[in-house]
Amino acid sequence: MVGFVVGLVDVIIAARFLGKLLGASSQSAFVHFIYQLSAVMVAPFTGIFGDTGNKTNTFETASLVAIVVYAVIGWGLVMLIRIVTAPHGTKPASS
């Protein structure tokens, strides 16, 4: 379940990254929805690195950082759950 949620978050942020990079119109209801939904997830990483591009096409580094950070956190949570739920005296298989 954790892997699914983290994967979904990463896909939403990746859609934001591609939309900004390719200059998707925020006038579109779908694009506006993706930008609004992902803004909360990307906000903690805004300003770490500068964004490049022009007003239409932006290489948003905060989105890339967010994808990596959430993937690592998700991986860590999955490993922790495997360790906690492993039968006593066994070692969980590494992935």
N, C-alpha and C. Protein backbone atom coordinates (compact mmCIF):
# COMPACT_ATOMS: atom_id res chain seq x y z
N MET A 1 0.83 -1.19 0.00
CA MET A 1 0.00 0.00 0.00
C MET A 1 0.87 1.26 0.00
N VAL A 2 1.94 1.24 0.79
CA VAL A 2 2.85 2.39 0.85
C VAL A 2 3.46 2.64 -0.53
N GLY A 3 3.88 1.58 -1.18
CA GLY A 3 4.46 1.71 -2.51
C GLY A 3 3.49 2.31 -3.50
N PHE A 4 2.23 1.93 -3.40
CA PHE A 4 1.21 2.48 -4.30
C PHE A 4 1.03 3.97 -4.08
N VAL A 5 0.92 4.38 -2.82
CA VAL A 5 0.71 5.79 -2.51
C VAL A 5 1.91 6.63 -2.95
N VAL A 6 3.11 6.15 -2.67
CA VAL A 6 4.31 6.88 -3.08
C VAL A 6 4.40 6.94 -4.61
N GLY A 7 4.07 5.85 -5.26
CA GLY A 7 4.07 5.84 -6.73
C GLY A 7 3.07 6.83 -7.29
N LEU A 8 1.89 6.90 -6.70
CA LEU A 8 0.87 7.85 -7.14
C LEU A 8 1.33 9.29 -6.95
N VAL A 9 1.93 9.58 -5.80
CA VAL A 9 2.46 10.92 -5.53
C VAL A 9 3.54 11.27 -6.56
N ASP A 10 4.44 10.34 -6.82
CA ASP A 10 5.52 10.60 -7.79
C ASP A 10 4.97 10.81 -9.20
N VAL A 11 3.93 10.08 -9.58
CA VAL A 11 3.33 10.26 -10.91
C VAL A 11 2.68 11.63 -11.02
N ILE A 12 2.00 12.07 -9.98
CA ILE A 12 1.37 13.39 -9.99
C ILE A 12 2.43 14.49 -10.10
N ILE A 13 3.51 14.34 -9.35
CA ILE A 13 4.58 15.35 -9.42
C ILE A 13 5.29 15.29 -10.77
N ALA A 14 5.47 14.10 -11.33
CA ALA A 14 6.08 13.97 -12.65
C ALA A 14 5.20 14.63 -13.71
N ALA A 15 3.89 14.51 -13.58
CA ALA A 15 2.97 15.17 -14.52
C ALA A 15 3.13 16.68 -14.42
N ARG A 16 3.30 17.19 -13.19
CA ARG A 16 3.53 18.62 -13.00
C ARG A 16 4.83 19.04 -13.69
N PHE A 17 5.90 18.25 -13.45
CA PHE A 17 7.19 18.57 -14.03
C PHE A 17 7.11 18.64 -15.56
N LEU A 18 6.48 17.61 -16.16
CA LEU A 18 6.37 17.58 -17.62
C LEU A 18 5.47 18.70 -18.13
N GLY A 19 4.40 19.00 -17.40
CA GLY A 19 3.52 20.10 -17.81
C GLY A 19 4.25 21.42 -17.83
N LYS A 20 5.02 21.68 -16.78
CA LYS A 20 5.80 22.93 -16.72
C LYS A 20 6.89 22.96 -17.78
N LEU A 21 7.55 21.81 -17.98
CA LEU A 21 8.64 21.75 -18.95
C LEU A 21 8.14 21.95 -20.37
N LEU A 22 7.01 21.37 -20.69
CA LEU A 22 6.48 21.44 -22.05
C LEU A 22 5.56 22.63 -22.26
N GLY A 23 5.32 23.42 -21.23
CA GLY A 23 4.51 24.63 -21.36
C GLY A 23 3.02 24.36 -21.46
N ALA A 24 2.52 23.40 -20.71
CA ALA A 24 1.09 23.10 -20.73
C ALA A 24 0.30 24.30 -20.21
N SER A 25 -0.83 24.56 -20.82
CA SER A 25 -1.65 25.71 -20.45
C SER A 25 -2.38 25.45 -19.15
N SER A 26 -2.19 26.33 -18.19
CA SER A 26 -2.89 26.17 -16.91
C SER A 26 -4.36 26.57 -17.04
N GLN A 27 -4.77 27.01 -18.21
CA GLN A 27 -6.18 27.29 -18.47
C GLN A 27 -6.99 25.99 -18.61
N SER A 28 -6.28 24.90 -18.94
CA SER A 28 -6.92 23.59 -19.04
C SER A 28 -7.30 23.13 -17.63
N ALA A 29 -8.51 22.60 -17.50
CA ALA A 29 -8.98 22.16 -16.17
C ALA A 29 -8.10 21.05 -15.61
N PHE A 30 -7.68 20.10 -16.45
CA PHE A 30 -6.85 19.00 -15.98
C PHE A 30 -5.48 19.49 -15.52
N VAL A 31 -4.86 20.33 -16.31
CA VAL A 31 -3.54 20.87 -15.97
C VAL A 31 -3.64 21.69 -14.69
N HIS A 32 -4.66 22.52 -14.58
CA HIS A 32 -4.86 23.32 -13.37
C HIS A 32 -5.03 22.41 -12.15
N PHE A 33 -5.79 21.34 -12.29
CA PHE A 33 -5.99 20.38 -11.20
C PHE A 33 -4.67 19.74 -10.77
N ILE A 34 -3.87 19.30 -11.73
CA ILE A 34 -2.57 18.68 -11.43
C ILE A 34 -1.65 19.69 -10.73
N TYR A 35 -1.62 20.91 -11.22
CA TYR A 35 -0.76 21.93 -10.60
C TYR A 35 -1.20 22.23 -9.16
N GLN A 36 -2.51 22.33 -8.93
CA GLN A 36 -3.02 22.62 -7.59
C GLN A 36 -2.75 21.45 -6.64
N LEU A 37 -2.99 20.23 -7.12
CA LEU A 37 -2.80 19.04 -6.30
C LEU A 37 -1.33 18.85 -5.93
N SER A 38 -0.45 19.08 -6.88
CA SER A 38 0.97 18.83 -6.65
C SER A 38 1.68 20.00 -5.96
N ALA A 39 1.07 21.16 -5.95
CA ALA A 39 1.72 22.33 -5.34
C ALA A 39 2.04 22.10 -3.87
N VAL A 40 1.14 21.44 -3.16
CA VAL A 40 1.36 21.15 -1.73
C VAL A 40 2.52 20.19 -1.55
N MET A 41 2.65 19.23 -2.46
CA MET A 41 3.70 18.22 -2.35
C MET A 41 5.08 18.77 -2.72
N VAL A 42 5.11 19.75 -3.62
CA VAL A 42 6.37 20.31 -4.11
C VAL A 42 6.83 21.50 -3.26
N ALA A 43 5.91 22.14 -2.57
CA ALA A 43 6.21 23.37 -1.83
C ALA A 43 7.41 23.27 -0.88
N PRO A 44 7.59 22.17 -0.13
CA PRO A 44 8.75 22.12 0.78
C PRO A 44 10.10 22.15 0.07
N PHE A 45 10.12 21.88 -1.22
CA PHE A 45 11.38 21.80 -1.96
C PHE A 45 11.62 23.00 -2.86
N THR A 46 10.71 23.94 -2.86
CA THR A 46 10.84 25.13 -3.70
C THR A 46 11.97 26.01 -3.15
N GLY A 47 12.82 26.45 -4.04
CA GLY A 47 13.91 27.34 -3.66
C GLY A 47 15.22 26.65 -3.34
N ILE A 48 15.24 25.32 -3.31
CA ILE A 48 16.51 24.62 -3.06
C ILE A 48 17.48 24.90 -4.20
N PHE A 49 16.98 24.73 -5.42
CA PHE A 49 17.75 25.05 -6.63
C PHE A 49 16.92 26.01 -7.45
N GLY A 50 17.57 26.79 -8.27
CA GLY A 50 16.84 27.72 -9.13
C GLY A 50 16.20 27.01 -10.31
N ASP A 51 15.07 27.54 -10.74
CA ASP A 51 14.41 27.01 -11.94
C ASP A 51 14.98 27.71 -13.16
N THR A 52 15.02 26.98 -14.26
CA THR A 52 15.50 27.57 -15.51
C THR A 52 14.40 27.52 -16.54
N GLY A 53 14.57 28.30 -17.57
CA GLY A 53 13.58 28.35 -18.65
C GLY A 53 12.98 29.73 -18.76
N ASN A 54 11.93 29.80 -19.56
CA ASN A 54 11.24 31.08 -19.71
C ASN A 54 9.86 31.00 -19.08
N LYS A 55 9.01 31.99 -19.33
CA LYS A 55 7.70 32.02 -18.69
C LYS A 55 6.82 30.85 -19.12
N THR A 56 7.00 30.38 -20.34
CA THR A 56 6.17 29.30 -20.87
C THR A 56 6.70 27.93 -20.48
N ASN A 57 7.98 27.69 -20.69
CA ASN A 57 8.59 26.39 -20.42
C ASN A 57 9.57 26.54 -19.26
N THR A 58 9.30 25.82 -18.18
CA THR A 58 10.13 25.93 -16.99
C THR A 58 10.66 24.57 -16.57
N PHE A 59 11.96 24.49 -16.34
CA PHE A 59 12.58 23.29 -15.80
C PHE A 59 12.53 23.45 -14.29
N GLU A 60 11.50 22.86 -13.67
CA GLU A 60 11.25 23.05 -12.24
C GLU A 60 12.01 22.00 -11.43
N THR A 61 13.14 22.41 -10.86
CA THR A 61 13.98 21.47 -10.11
C THR A 61 13.32 20.99 -8.82
N ALA A 62 12.45 21.81 -8.25
CA ALA A 62 11.77 21.40 -7.01
C ALA A 62 10.96 20.13 -7.22
N SER A 63 10.38 19.98 -8.40
CA SER A 63 9.61 18.77 -8.70
C SER A 63 10.52 17.55 -8.75
N LEU A 64 11.68 17.68 -9.35
CA LEU A 64 12.61 16.55 -9.42
C LEU A 64 13.11 16.16 -8.04
N VAL A 65 13.43 17.16 -7.23
CA VAL A 65 13.88 16.88 -5.86
C VAL A 65 12.76 16.19 -5.08
N ALA A 66 11.54 16.65 -5.24
CA ALA A 66 10.40 16.06 -4.54
C ALA A 66 10.22 14.59 -4.94
N ILE A 67 10.33 14.30 -6.22
CA ILE A 67 10.17 12.91 -6.69
C ILE A 67 11.21 12.01 -6.02
N VAL A 68 12.45 12.45 -5.99
CA VAL A 68 13.52 11.64 -5.40
C VAL A 68 13.31 11.48 -3.89
N VAL A 69 13.00 12.57 -3.20
CA VAL A 69 12.83 12.52 -1.75
C VAL A 69 11.66 11.61 -1.37
N TYR A 70 10.53 11.76 -2.05
CA TYR A 70 9.37 10.91 -1.73
C TYR A 70 9.65 9.45 -2.05
N ALA A 71 10.38 9.18 -3.13
CA ALA A 71 10.72 7.79 -3.46
C ALA A 71 11.62 7.18 -2.39
N VAL A 72 12.59 7.93 -1.91
CA VAL A 72 13.50 7.43 -0.87
C VAL A 72 12.74 7.22 0.44
N ILE A 73 11.88 8.16 0.80
CA ILE A 73 11.07 8.00 2.02
C ILE A 73 10.16 6.78 1.89
N GLY A 74 9.55 6.60 0.74
CA GLY A 74 8.69 5.44 0.52
C GLY A 74 9.45 4.14 0.62
N TRP A 75 10.63 4.11 0.03
CA TRP A 75 11.48 2.91 0.11
C TRP A 75 11.82 2.61 1.57
N GLY A 76 12.18 3.65 2.32
CA GLY A 76 12.52 3.48 3.73
C GLY A 76 11.33 2.96 4.54
N LEU A 77 10.15 3.48 4.27
CA LEU A 77 8.96 3.00 4.97
C LEU A 77 8.66 1.54 4.65
N VAL A 78 8.80 1.17 3.39
CA VAL A 78 8.57 -0.22 3.00
C VAL A 78 9.56 -1.14 3.70
N MET A 79 10.83 -0.74 3.75
CA MET A 79 11.83 -1.56 4.44
C MET A 79 11.53 -1.65 5.93
N LEU A 80 11.11 -0.56 6.54
CA LEU A 80 10.77 -0.57 7.96
C LEU A 80 9.58 -1.50 8.23
N ILE A 81 8.58 -1.44 7.38
CA ILE A 81 7.42 -2.32 7.54
C ILE A 81 7.83 -3.78 7.38
N ARG A 82 8.70 -4.07 6.43
CA ARG A 82 9.18 -5.45 6.25
C ARG A 82 9.93 -5.94 7.49
N ILE A 83 10.73 -5.07 8.07
CA ILE A 83 11.50 -5.47 9.26
C ILE A 83 10.56 -5.70 10.44
N VAL A 84 9.63 -4.79 10.64
CA VAL A 84 8.72 -4.88 11.79
C VAL A 84 7.79 -6.09 11.67
N THR A 85 7.36 -6.40 10.46
CA THR A 85 6.39 -7.48 10.28
C THR A 85 7.03 -8.82 9.97
N ALA A 86 8.35 -8.88 9.91
CA ALA A 86 9.03 -10.16 9.64
C ALA A 86 8.86 -11.08 10.85
N PRO A 87 8.67 -12.37 10.59
CA PRO A 87 8.58 -13.31 11.71
C PRO A 87 9.83 -13.24 12.58
N HIS A 88 9.68 -13.44 13.86
CA HIS A 88 10.79 -13.37 14.81
C HIS A 88 11.89 -14.35 14.42
N GLY A 89 13.12 -13.89 14.39
CA GLY A 89 14.25 -14.75 14.09
C GLY A 89 14.56 -14.87 12.60
N THR A 90 13.84 -14.14 11.76
CA THR A 90 14.12 -14.18 10.32
C THR A 90 14.59 -12.81 9.87
N LYS A 91 15.24 -12.81 8.75
CA LYS A 91 15.72 -11.58 8.17
C LYS A 91 14.94 -11.35 6.88
N PRO A 92 14.31 -10.16 6.68
CA PRO A 92 13.57 -9.93 5.46
C PRO A 92 14.49 -9.91 4.24
N ALA A 93 13.96 -10.36 3.12
CA ALA A 93 14.73 -10.35 1.87
C ALA A 93 14.95 -8.92 1.43
N SER A 94 16.15 -8.63 0.99
CA SER A 94 16.43 -7.27 0.49
C SER A 94 15.98 -7.17 -0.95
N SER A 95 15.60 -5.95 -1.35
CA SER A 95 15.11 -5.76 -2.72
C SER A 95 16.13 -5.11 -3.57
